[in-house]
Amino acid sequence: MEVQEIMDLAKAGKITVQAQKYPFSKVLEALDDLRNGRVEGRAVITFEEFDE
């Protein structure tokens, strides 16, 4: 598949992404969940707590 085809599918809502967010303060929990198969898709570390 070409990149443009993928972008078109995403715009049409035909591609979904599974992601579980973890704040940076819980990065060790995220790693543990990944290692033990408790995350479907991607684990995403957020830095929102530092934006305040």
C-alpha atoms as a PDB file:
ATOM      1  CA  MET A   1       0.000   0.000   0.000  1.00  0.00           C
ATOM      2  CA  GLU A   2       1.129   3.516  -0.750  1.00  0.00           C
ATOM      3  CA  VAL A   3       1.182   6.211   1.898  1.00  0.00           C
ATOM      4  CA  GLN A   4      -1.555   8.185   0.149  1.00  0.00           C
ATOM      5  CA  GLU A   5      -3.848   5.147   0.162  1.00  0.00           C
ATOM      6  CA  ILE A   6      -3.299   4.733   3.897  1.00  0.00           C
ATOM      7  CA  MET A   7      -3.980   8.428   4.496  1.00  0.00           C
ATOM      8  CA  ASP A   8      -7.214   8.190   2.485  1.00  0.00           C
ATOM      9  CA  LEU A   9      -8.354   5.189   4.522  1.00  0.00           C
ATOM     10  CA  ALA A  10      -7.565   7.011   7.764  1.00  0.00           C
ATOM     11  CA  LYS A  11      -9.502  10.103   6.655  1.00  0.00           C
ATOM     12  CA  ALA A  12     -12.459   7.883   5.775  1.00  0.00           C
ATOM     13  CA  GLY A  13     -12.391   6.412   9.290  1.00  0.00           C
ATOM     14  CA  LYS A  14     -11.533   2.923   8.067  1.00  0.00           C
ATOM     15  CA  ILE A  15      -8.366   2.627  10.152  1.00  0.00           C
ATOM     16  CA  THR A  16      -8.555   2.526  13.901  1.00  0.00           C
ATOM     17  CA  VAL A  17      -5.712   2.716  16.356  1.00  0.00           C
ATOM     18  CA  GLN A  18      -5.787   1.032  19.715  1.00  0.00           C
ATOM     19  CA  ALA A  19      -3.766   2.925  22.266  1.00  0.00           C
ATOM     20  CA  GLN A  20      -3.699   3.049  26.023  1.00  0.00           C
ATOM     21  CA  LYS A  21      -2.420   6.272  27.590  1.00  0.00           C
ATOM     22  CA  TYR A  22      -0.174   6.380  30.643  1.00  0.00           C
ATOM     23  CA  PRO A  23       1.079   9.538  32.338  1.00  0.00           C
ATOM     24  CA  PHE A  24       4.856   9.740  32.622  1.00  0.00           C
ATOM     25  CA  SER A  25       4.568   9.118  36.358  1.00  0.00           C
ATOM     26  CA  LYS A  26       3.222   5.618  35.563  1.00  0.00           C
ATOM     27  CA  VAL A  27       5.819   4.607  32.981  1.00  0.00           C
ATOM     28  CA  LEU A  28       6.839   1.555  35.042  1.00  0.00           C
ATOM     29  CA  GLU A  29       3.214   0.425  35.184  1.00  0.00           C
ATOM     30  CA  ALA A  30       3.032   0.775  31.396  1.00  0.00           C
ATOM     31  CA  LEU A  31       6.127  -1.390  30.956  1.00  0.00           C
ATOM     32  CA  ASP A  32       4.722  -4.001  33.309  1.00  0.00           C
ATOM     33  CA  ASP A  33       1.403  -4.027  31.433  1.00  0.00           C
ATOM     34  CA  LEU A  34       3.234  -4.409  28.114  1.00  0.00           C
ATOM     35  CA  ARG A  35       5.404  -7.244  29.383  1.00  0.00           C
ATOM     36  CA  ASN A  36       2.388  -9.079  30.764  1.00  0.00           C
ATOM     37  CA  GLY A  37       0.158  -8.684  27.719  1.00  0.00           C
ATOM     38  CA  ARG A  38      -2.347  -6.306  29.316  1.00  0.00           C
ATOM     39  CA  VAL A  39      -2.099  -3.700  26.541  1.00  0.00           C
ATOM     40  CA  GLU A  40      -3.882  -4.103  23.231  1.00  0.00           C
ATOM     41  CA  GLY A  41      -2.266  -1.990  20.559  1.00  0.00           C
ATOM     42  CA  ARG A  42       0.161   0.688  21.719  1.00  0.00           C
ATOM     43  CA  ALA A  43       1.098   2.075  25.096  1.00  0.00           C
ATOM     44  CA  VAL A  44       1.508   5.835  24.868  1.00  0.00           C
ATOM     45  CA  ILE A  45       3.373   7.797  27.519  1.00  0.00           C
ATOM     46  CA  THR A  46       1.990  11.321  27.961  1.00  0.00           C
ATOM     47  CA  PHE A  47       3.728  14.330  29.448  1.00  0.00           C
ATOM     48  CA  GLU A  48       0.583  16.343  30.168  1.00  0.00           C
ATOM     49  CA  GLU A  49       1.397  16.511  33.871  1.00  0.00           C
ATOM     50  CA  PHE A  50       4.435  18.639  33.010  1.00  0.00           C
ATOM     51  CA  ASP A  51       2.427  21.147  30.959  1.00  0.00           C
ATOM     52  CA  GLU A  52       0.872  22.736  34.035  1.00  0.00           C
END
